[in-house]
Amino acid sequence: MDNTHEFVEKLNERQEKAKKNEERQSKKHASEKLPNKQH
């Protein structure tokens, strides 16, 4: 069942990417967490 392992890895990758995208898109949230101005 190698396919199951691959599927899980891909799923985890996708979830990590989604998290990063959410963090980027929700700038209100990010500024609340860490108040440092990058731009």
C-alpha atoms as a PDB file:
ATOM      1  CA  MET A   1       0.000   0.000   0.000  1.00  0.00           C
ATOM      2  CA  ASP A   2       2.567   2.577  -1.068  1.00  0.00           C
ATOM      3  CA  ASN A   3      -0.173   4.660  -2.628  1.00  0.00           C
ATOM      4  CA  THR A   4      -1.728   5.316   0.769  1.00  0.00           C
ATOM      5  CA  HIS A   5       1.560   6.687   2.088  1.00  0.00           C
ATOM      6  CA  GLU A   6       1.988   8.898  -0.968  1.00  0.00           C
ATOM      7  CA  PHE A   7      -1.576  10.129  -0.628  1.00  0.00           C
ATOM      8  CA  VAL A   8      -1.009  11.070   3.005  1.00  0.00           C
ATOM      9  CA  GLU A   9       2.205  12.915   2.167  1.00  0.00           C
ATOM     10  CA  LYS A  10       0.517  14.861  -0.614  1.00  0.00           C
ATOM     11  CA  LEU A  11      -2.410  15.645   1.647  1.00  0.00           C
ATOM     12  CA  ASN A  12      -0.074  16.989   4.330  1.00  0.00           C
ATOM     13  CA  GLU A  13       1.758  19.097   1.747  1.00  0.00           C
ATOM     14  CA  ARG A  14      -1.517  20.512   0.503  1.00  0.00           C
ATOM     15  CA  GLN A  15      -2.634  21.338   4.034  1.00  0.00           C
ATOM     16  CA  GLU A  16       0.652  23.108   4.782  1.00  0.00           C
ATOM     17  CA  LYS A  17       0.379  25.142   1.583  1.00  0.00           C
ATOM     18  CA  ALA A  18      -3.217  26.040   2.389  1.00  0.00           C
ATOM     19  CA  LYS A  19      -2.166  27.183   5.854  1.00  0.00           C
ATOM     20  CA  LYS A  20       0.576  29.392   4.441  1.00  0.00           C
ATOM     21  CA  ASN A  21      -1.819  30.869   1.897  1.00  0.00           C
ATOM     22  CA  GLU A  22      -4.358  31.610   4.626  1.00  0.00           C
ATOM     23  CA  GLU A  23      -1.687  33.301   6.723  1.00  0.00           C
ATOM     24  CA  ARG A  24      -0.639  35.425   3.757  1.00  0.00           C
ATOM     25  CA  GLN A  25      -4.183  36.364   2.813  1.00  0.00           C
ATOM     26  CA  SER A  26      -5.439  37.161   6.320  1.00  0.00           C
ATOM     27  CA  LYS A  27      -3.172  40.111   7.023  1.00  0.00           C
ATOM     28  CA  LYS A  28      -5.466  41.376   9.772  1.00  0.00           C
ATOM     29  CA  HIS A  29      -4.807  38.166  11.635  1.00  0.00           C
ATOM     30  CA  ALA A  30      -1.065  38.313  11.077  1.00  0.00           C
ATOM     31  CA  SER A  31      -0.789  41.922  12.239  1.00  0.00           C
ATOM     32  CA  GLU A  32      -2.651  41.020  15.427  1.00  0.00           C
ATOM     33  CA  LYS A  33      -0.261  38.170  16.153  1.00  0.00           C
ATOM     34  CA  LEU A  34       3.038  39.913  15.429  1.00  0.00           C
ATOM     35  CA  PRO A  35       2.966  43.700  15.075  1.00  0.00           C
ATOM     36  CA  ASN A  36       5.940  44.321  12.794  1.00  0.00           C
ATOM     37  CA  LYS A  37       5.525  46.232   9.569  1.00  0.00           C
ATOM     38  CA  GLN A  38       7.346  44.663   6.649  1.00  0.00           C
ATOM     39  CA  HIS A  39       6.115  47.027   3.937  1.00  0.00           C
END
